[in-house]
Amino acid sequence: QAPLCADVVFQLQGGHRVFAHRVYLATACSRFYDLFTLEGPPEALGEGDGGSRDLSSWGRGFLSLRWELVADP
């Protein structure tokens, strides 16, 4: 439910979550590499849209990206 070292969470329809590691995703798929090398999150995540970005133009399966700070385990 809450893995300690995952740095990516996929939020699926129906509320299911899949935890992953971006280094593995980026080396396995160039699309994930592109995604993770996008410009980083805004300086203040609490303002405006909360660090989200529309990815619907990327094609099926990518809707949006949201940066969120979490406590380091």
Protein backbone atom coordinates (compact mmCIF):
# COMPACT_ATOMS: atom_id res chain seq x y z
CA GLN A 1 0.00 0.00 0.00
CA ALA A 2 2.84 2.44 0.74
CA PRO A 3 6.26 1.15 -0.34
CA LEU A 4 9.18 2.88 1.31
CA CYS A 5 11.43 3.59 -1.66
CA ALA A 6 9.06 4.09 -4.61
CA ASP A 7 9.33 7.55 -6.16
CA VAL A 8 6.50 7.20 -8.72
CA VAL A 9 2.83 6.46 -8.10
CA PHE A 10 0.45 5.70 -10.94
CA GLN A 11 -3.12 6.60 -10.03
CA LEU A 12 -5.40 4.28 -11.98
CA GLN A 13 -9.12 4.42 -12.60
CA GLY A 14 -11.07 2.98 -9.72
CA GLY A 15 -8.65 4.36 -7.15
CA HIS A 16 -5.97 1.70 -7.56
CA ARG A 17 -2.36 2.83 -7.15
CA VAL A 18 0.78 1.26 -8.60
CA PHE A 19 4.13 2.18 -7.05
CA ALA A 20 7.35 2.19 -9.10
CA HIS A 21 10.88 3.48 -9.37
CA ARG A 22 11.53 6.06 -12.05
CA VAL A 23 15.08 4.88 -12.78
CA TYR A 24 13.72 1.48 -13.86
CA LEU A 25 10.89 3.01 -15.87
CA ALA A 26 13.21 5.50 -17.61
CA THR A 27 15.72 2.81 -18.63
CA ALA A 28 12.98 0.49 -19.86
CA CYS A 29 11.02 2.99 -21.96
CA SER A 30 12.07 6.17 -23.77
CA ARG A 31 8.65 7.73 -23.14
CA PHE A 32 9.16 7.49 -19.40
CA TYR A 33 12.67 8.92 -19.83
CA ASP A 34 11.11 11.90 -21.63
CA LEU A 35 8.53 12.25 -18.90
CA PHE A 36 11.05 12.23 -16.06
CA THR A 37 13.41 14.68 -17.76
CA LEU A 38 10.72 17.33 -18.21
CA GLU A 39 11.26 20.58 -16.39
CA GLY A 40 10.97 19.91 -12.66
CA PRO A 41 8.19 20.94 -10.32
CA PRO A 42 7.47 24.60 -9.58
CA GLU A 43 9.36 26.15 -6.68
CA ALA A 44 6.26 26.36 -4.49
CA LEU A 45 4.03 23.31 -4.94
CA GLY A 46 1.30 24.77 -2.74
CA GLU A 47 0.47 27.57 -5.15
CA GLY A 48 -1.72 27.54 -8.24
CA ASP A 49 -2.29 24.16 -9.86
CA GLY A 50 -0.17 22.23 -7.34
CA GLY A 51 2.53 21.33 -9.84
CA SER A 52 0.30 19.50 -12.30
CA ARG A 53 0.81 19.27 -16.05
CA ASP A 54 -1.56 18.13 -18.79
CA LEU A 55 -0.15 15.17 -20.74
CA SER A 56 -3.23 14.26 -22.78
CA SER A 57 -1.38 15.19 -26.01
CA TRP A 58 1.13 12.38 -25.29
CA GLY A 59 -1.41 9.80 -26.37
CA ARG A 60 -3.42 7.09 -24.73
CA GLY A 61 -2.59 6.30 -21.14
CA PHE A 62 -1.02 9.63 -20.18
CA LEU A 63 -3.50 12.11 -18.79
CA SER A 64 -1.64 14.30 -16.36
CA LEU A 65 1.41 14.59 -14.18
CA ARG A 66 1.33 15.98 -10.66
CA TRP A 67 4.38 16.73 -8.53
CA GLU A 68 3.86 16.11 -4.86
CA LEU A 69 6.27 16.34 -1.95
CA VAL A 70 6.32 13.34 0.36
CA ALA A 71 8.21 12.62 3.58
CA ASP A 72 11.50 10.80 3.13
CA PRO A 73 11.21 7.40 4.82
